[in-house]
Amino acid sequence: MATELSTKFLTLSDWAKRIDPDGGIAPVVELLAETNPLLMDAHMMEGNLPTGHRSTQRTTQPSGTWRMLNQGVAETKSTTRQVDDSAG
């Protein structure tokens, strides 16, 4: 039961990985299926850390499921990781 819950829903560890340094919910960088050469020329932004910027990246997507009439859908979750980019 505990294994099933941790694969379908966010655990406290998963939730903690999605928090920014200010204590709010961090925006997730969606780059799993995107291959765009223009991403190399991204715009400039102020970092949220004194020495750089912490971003949250999605590492896996939830698996899809077929929905049947009057049936539920399988609960799945994605995983994320936080990356600290140094500046200076």
Protein backbone atom coordinates (compact mmCIF):
# COMPACT_ATOMS: atom_id res chain seq x y z
CA MET A 1 0.00 0.00 0.00
CA ALA A 2 2.76 2.47 0.91
CA THR A 3 4.64 1.69 -2.30
CA GLU A 4 1.49 2.25 -4.32
CA LEU A 5 0.85 5.62 -2.68
CA SER A 6 4.39 6.84 -3.28
CA THR A 7 4.21 6.01 -6.99
CA LYS A 8 0.85 7.70 -7.55
CA PHE A 9 0.94 10.78 -5.33
CA LEU A 10 3.57 13.31 -4.24
CA THR A 11 5.44 12.43 -1.08
CA LEU A 12 6.85 15.06 1.29
CA SER A 13 10.23 14.54 -0.35
CA ASP A 14 8.74 15.14 -3.82
CA TRP A 15 6.92 18.23 -2.57
CA ALA A 16 10.09 19.61 -0.97
CA LYS A 17 11.89 19.36 -4.32
CA ARG A 18 9.31 21.70 -5.85
CA ILE A 19 9.80 24.55 -3.36
CA ASP A 20 11.87 27.60 -4.31
CA PRO A 21 14.28 29.34 -1.88
CA ASP A 22 11.57 31.84 -0.89
CA GLY A 23 9.28 29.03 0.31
CA GLY A 24 6.82 29.28 -2.58
CA ILE A 25 6.00 26.77 -5.27
CA ALA A 26 8.69 26.87 -7.94
CA PRO A 27 7.72 26.98 -11.62
CA VAL A 28 8.70 23.72 -13.31
CA VAL A 29 10.92 23.89 -16.37
CA GLU A 30 9.28 21.76 -19.07
CA LEU A 31 12.12 20.62 -21.33
CA LEU A 32 11.61 16.86 -21.57
CA ALA A 33 10.27 16.70 -25.13
CA GLU A 34 11.51 20.05 -26.34
CA THR A 35 14.50 20.42 -28.65
CA ASN A 36 14.65 24.02 -29.70
CA PRO A 37 17.94 25.67 -30.70
CA LEU A 38 16.55 29.05 -29.60
CA LEU A 39 16.69 27.90 -25.98
CA MET A 40 20.42 28.67 -26.10
CA ASP A 41 19.51 32.38 -26.51
CA ALA A 42 17.23 32.56 -23.47
CA HIS A 43 16.39 35.92 -21.94
CA MET A 44 18.13 37.28 -18.86
CA MET A 45 16.49 37.10 -15.45
CA GLU A 46 17.44 37.90 -11.87
CA GLY A 47 18.56 34.89 -9.84
CA ASN A 48 16.64 33.81 -6.75
CA LEU A 49 19.81 32.91 -4.79
CA PRO A 50 22.67 35.22 -3.75
CA THR A 51 25.11 33.22 -5.89
CA GLY A 52 22.91 32.15 -8.80
CA HIS A 53 19.49 30.72 -9.56
CA ARG A 54 17.65 27.56 -8.46
CA SER A 55 15.28 26.07 -11.01
CA THR A 56 12.99 23.06 -10.82
CA GLN A 57 13.08 20.69 -13.80
CA ARG A 58 10.68 17.89 -14.56
CA THR A 59 12.62 14.64 -15.04
CA THR A 60 9.78 12.22 -15.86
CA GLN A 61 6.23 12.71 -17.02
CA PRO A 62 3.21 10.85 -15.67
CA SER A 63 2.26 7.90 -17.84
CA GLY A 64 -0.89 8.26 -19.87
CA THR A 65 -3.95 6.06 -19.57
CA TRP A 66 -7.07 5.33 -21.57
CA ARG A 67 -10.26 6.49 -19.91
CA MET A 68 -13.35 4.29 -20.18
CA LEU A 69 -16.93 5.38 -19.64
CA ASN A 70 -17.78 5.45 -15.93
CA GLN A 71 -14.29 4.24 -15.07
CA GLY A 72 -11.54 6.15 -13.35
CA VAL A 73 -8.09 6.91 -14.60
CA ALA A 74 -4.88 5.53 -13.15
CA GLU A 75 -3.14 7.92 -10.77
CA THR A 76 0.47 8.60 -11.70
CA LYS A 77 2.91 11.34 -10.83
CA SER A 78 5.92 13.01 -12.36
CA THR A 79 9.30 13.53 -10.73
CA THR A 80 11.32 16.72 -10.53
CA ARG A 81 14.78 17.81 -9.48
CA GLN A 82 16.21 21.16 -8.45
CA VAL A 83 19.28 22.52 -10.20
CA ASP A 84 21.42 25.38 -8.87
CA ASP A 85 22.99 27.47 -11.64
CA SER A 86 25.88 29.57 -10.39
CA ALA A 87 26.49 33.07 -11.67
CA GLY A 88 29.51 35.24 -11.54
